[in-house]
Amino acid sequence: MRPGHFVAGDQYNHYSLLRTIEDSLNLLPLTNNDRFAQPMNEFWQEELV
């Protein structure tokens, strides 16, 4: 998660959360609702390797 205060630029719903979990675990979508949902990627920082 990002440290400190953060305001999301997009709107999300429970399908967005499901899509985020599916993406992180490399799972296929359960329904078209989560297949086309916006994943909540902006809440996490990209790790520098």
N, C-alpha and C. Protein backbone atom coordinates (compact mmCIF):
# COMPACT_ATOMS: atom_id res chain seq x y z
N MET A 1 0.84 -1.17 0.00
CA MET A 1 0.00 0.00 0.00
C MET A 1 0.89 1.24 0.00
N ARG A 2 0.33 2.31 -0.49
CA ARG A 2 1.06 3.58 -0.47
C ARG A 2 1.07 4.14 0.95
N PRO A 3 2.18 4.71 1.37
CA PRO A 3 2.21 5.32 2.70
C PRO A 3 1.51 6.68 2.69
N GLY A 4 0.95 7.08 3.82
CA GLY A 4 0.36 8.39 3.96
C GLY A 4 -1.01 8.52 3.32
N HIS A 5 -1.45 9.77 3.18
CA HIS A 5 -2.77 10.09 2.63
C HIS A 5 -2.77 9.90 1.12
N PHE A 6 -3.84 9.30 0.60
CA PHE A 6 -3.94 9.07 -0.84
C PHE A 6 -5.39 9.18 -1.25
N VAL A 7 -5.66 9.90 -2.34
CA VAL A 7 -7.00 10.02 -2.89
C VAL A 7 -7.02 9.32 -4.23
N ALA A 8 -7.90 8.34 -4.38
CA ALA A 8 -8.00 7.58 -5.64
C ALA A 8 -8.59 8.46 -6.73
N GLY A 9 -8.07 8.30 -7.94
CA GLY A 9 -8.55 9.08 -9.07
C GLY A 9 -9.70 8.42 -9.80
N ASP A 10 -9.93 7.14 -9.56
CA ASP A 10 -11.01 6.40 -10.22
C ASP A 10 -12.04 5.96 -9.19
N GLN A 11 -13.21 5.54 -9.69
CA GLN A 11 -14.23 4.99 -8.80
C GLN A 11 -14.18 3.47 -8.88
N TYR A 12 -14.36 2.84 -7.74
CA TYR A 12 -14.27 1.39 -7.66
C TYR A 12 -15.51 0.82 -6.98
N ASN A 13 -15.73 -0.48 -7.20
CA ASN A 13 -16.80 -1.19 -6.51
C ASN A 13 -16.27 -2.57 -6.10
N HIS A 14 -17.15 -3.43 -5.61
CA HIS A 14 -16.69 -4.73 -5.13
C HIS A 14 -16.15 -5.60 -6.26
N TYR A 15 -16.59 -5.38 -7.49
CA TYR A 15 -16.02 -6.12 -8.62
C TYR A 15 -14.58 -5.69 -8.87
N SER A 16 -14.27 -4.44 -8.60
CA SER A 16 -12.90 -3.95 -8.74
C SER A 16 -11.98 -4.66 -7.75
N LEU A 17 -12.46 -4.84 -6.54
CA LEU A 17 -11.66 -5.55 -5.54
C LEU A 17 -11.45 -7.00 -5.96
N LEU A 18 -12.51 -7.65 -6.43
CA LEU A 18 -12.39 -9.02 -6.91
C LEU A 18 -11.40 -9.11 -8.06
N ARG A 19 -11.47 -8.18 -9.00
CA ARG A 19 -10.56 -8.16 -10.15
C ARG A 19 -9.12 -7.99 -9.69
N THR A 20 -8.89 -7.14 -8.70
CA THR A 20 -7.55 -6.91 -8.17
C THR A 20 -6.99 -8.19 -7.55
N ILE A 21 -7.81 -8.89 -6.79
CA ILE A 21 -7.38 -10.14 -6.17
C ILE A 21 -7.09 -11.19 -7.23
N GLU A 22 -7.97 -11.31 -8.22
CA GLU A 22 -7.76 -12.28 -9.30
C GLU A 22 -6.47 -12.00 -10.05
N ASP A 23 -6.22 -10.73 -10.35
CA ASP A 23 -4.99 -10.36 -11.07
C ASP A 23 -3.75 -10.69 -10.25
N SER A 24 -3.79 -10.41 -8.95
CA SER A 24 -2.61 -10.64 -8.12
C SER A 24 -2.30 -12.12 -7.94
N LEU A 25 -3.33 -12.97 -8.05
CA LEU A 25 -3.14 -14.42 -7.89
C LEU A 25 -3.13 -15.15 -9.23
N ASN A 26 -3.12 -14.38 -10.32
CA ASN A 26 -3.13 -14.95 -11.68
C ASN A 26 -4.29 -15.91 -11.90
N LEU A 27 -5.48 -15.50 -11.45
CA LEU A 27 -6.69 -16.29 -11.63
C LEU A 27 -7.52 -15.74 -12.79
N LEU A 28 -8.31 -16.59 -13.40
CA LEU A 28 -9.23 -16.15 -14.45
C LEU A 28 -10.44 -15.47 -13.80
N PRO A 29 -11.07 -14.54 -14.51
CA PRO A 29 -12.27 -13.88 -13.96
C PRO A 29 -13.41 -14.88 -13.75
N LEU A 30 -14.21 -14.64 -12.72
CA LEU A 30 -15.36 -15.49 -12.44
C LEU A 30 -16.55 -15.15 -13.33
N THR A 31 -16.76 -13.85 -13.59
CA THR A 31 -17.90 -13.39 -14.39
C THR A 31 -17.46 -12.24 -15.27
N ASN A 32 -18.35 -11.79 -16.15
CA ASN A 32 -18.05 -10.62 -16.97
C ASN A 32 -18.00 -9.35 -16.13
N ASN A 33 -18.69 -9.34 -14.99
CA ASN A 33 -18.67 -8.15 -14.12
C ASN A 33 -17.26 -7.85 -13.63
N ASP A 34 -16.54 -8.85 -13.17
CA ASP A 34 -15.17 -8.61 -12.72
C ASP A 34 -14.19 -8.63 -13.89
N ARG A 35 -14.52 -9.31 -14.97
CA ARG A 35 -13.65 -9.31 -16.15
C ARG A 35 -13.43 -7.89 -16.68
N PHE A 36 -14.49 -7.07 -16.67
CA PHE A 36 -14.42 -5.73 -17.22
C PHE A 36 -14.30 -4.64 -16.15
N ALA A 37 -14.13 -5.03 -14.90
CA ALA A 37 -13.97 -4.06 -13.81
C ALA A 37 -12.57 -3.46 -13.84
N GLN A 38 -12.46 -2.25 -13.35
CA GLN A 38 -11.17 -1.56 -13.25
C GLN A 38 -10.43 -2.09 -12.02
N PRO A 39 -9.24 -2.70 -12.19
CA PRO A 39 -8.50 -3.16 -11.01
C PRO A 39 -7.99 -1.98 -10.18
N MET A 40 -7.81 -2.20 -8.91
CA MET A 40 -7.43 -1.14 -7.97
C MET A 40 -5.91 -1.02 -7.87
N ASN A 41 -5.24 -0.91 -8.99
CA ASN A 41 -3.77 -0.90 -9.02
C ASN A 41 -3.15 0.37 -8.46
N GLU A 42 -3.87 1.48 -8.49
CA GLU A 42 -3.25 2.73 -8.07
C GLU A 42 -3.00 2.81 -6.57
N PHE A 43 -3.53 1.86 -5.80
CA PHE A 43 -3.31 1.85 -4.36
C PHE A 43 -1.96 1.26 -3.97
N TRP A 44 -1.33 0.59 -4.90
CA TRP A 44 -0.06 -0.06 -4.63
C TRP A 44 1.06 0.61 -5.39
N GLN A 45 2.22 0.70 -4.76
CA GLN A 45 3.40 1.24 -5.42
C GLN A 45 4.05 0.14 -6.23
N GLU A 46 4.68 0.54 -7.31
CA GLU A 46 5.48 -0.43 -8.06
C GLU A 46 6.78 -0.65 -7.32
N GLU A 47 7.16 -1.91 -7.17
CA GLU A 47 8.41 -2.21 -6.47
C GLU A 47 9.58 -2.06 -7.42
N LEU A 48 10.61 -1.42 -6.94
CA LEU A 48 11.82 -1.27 -7.72
C LEU A 48 12.76 -2.41 -7.38
N VAL A 49 13.23 -3.10 -8.39
CA VAL A 49 14.10 -4.26 -8.16
C VAL A 49 15.53 -3.87 -8.44
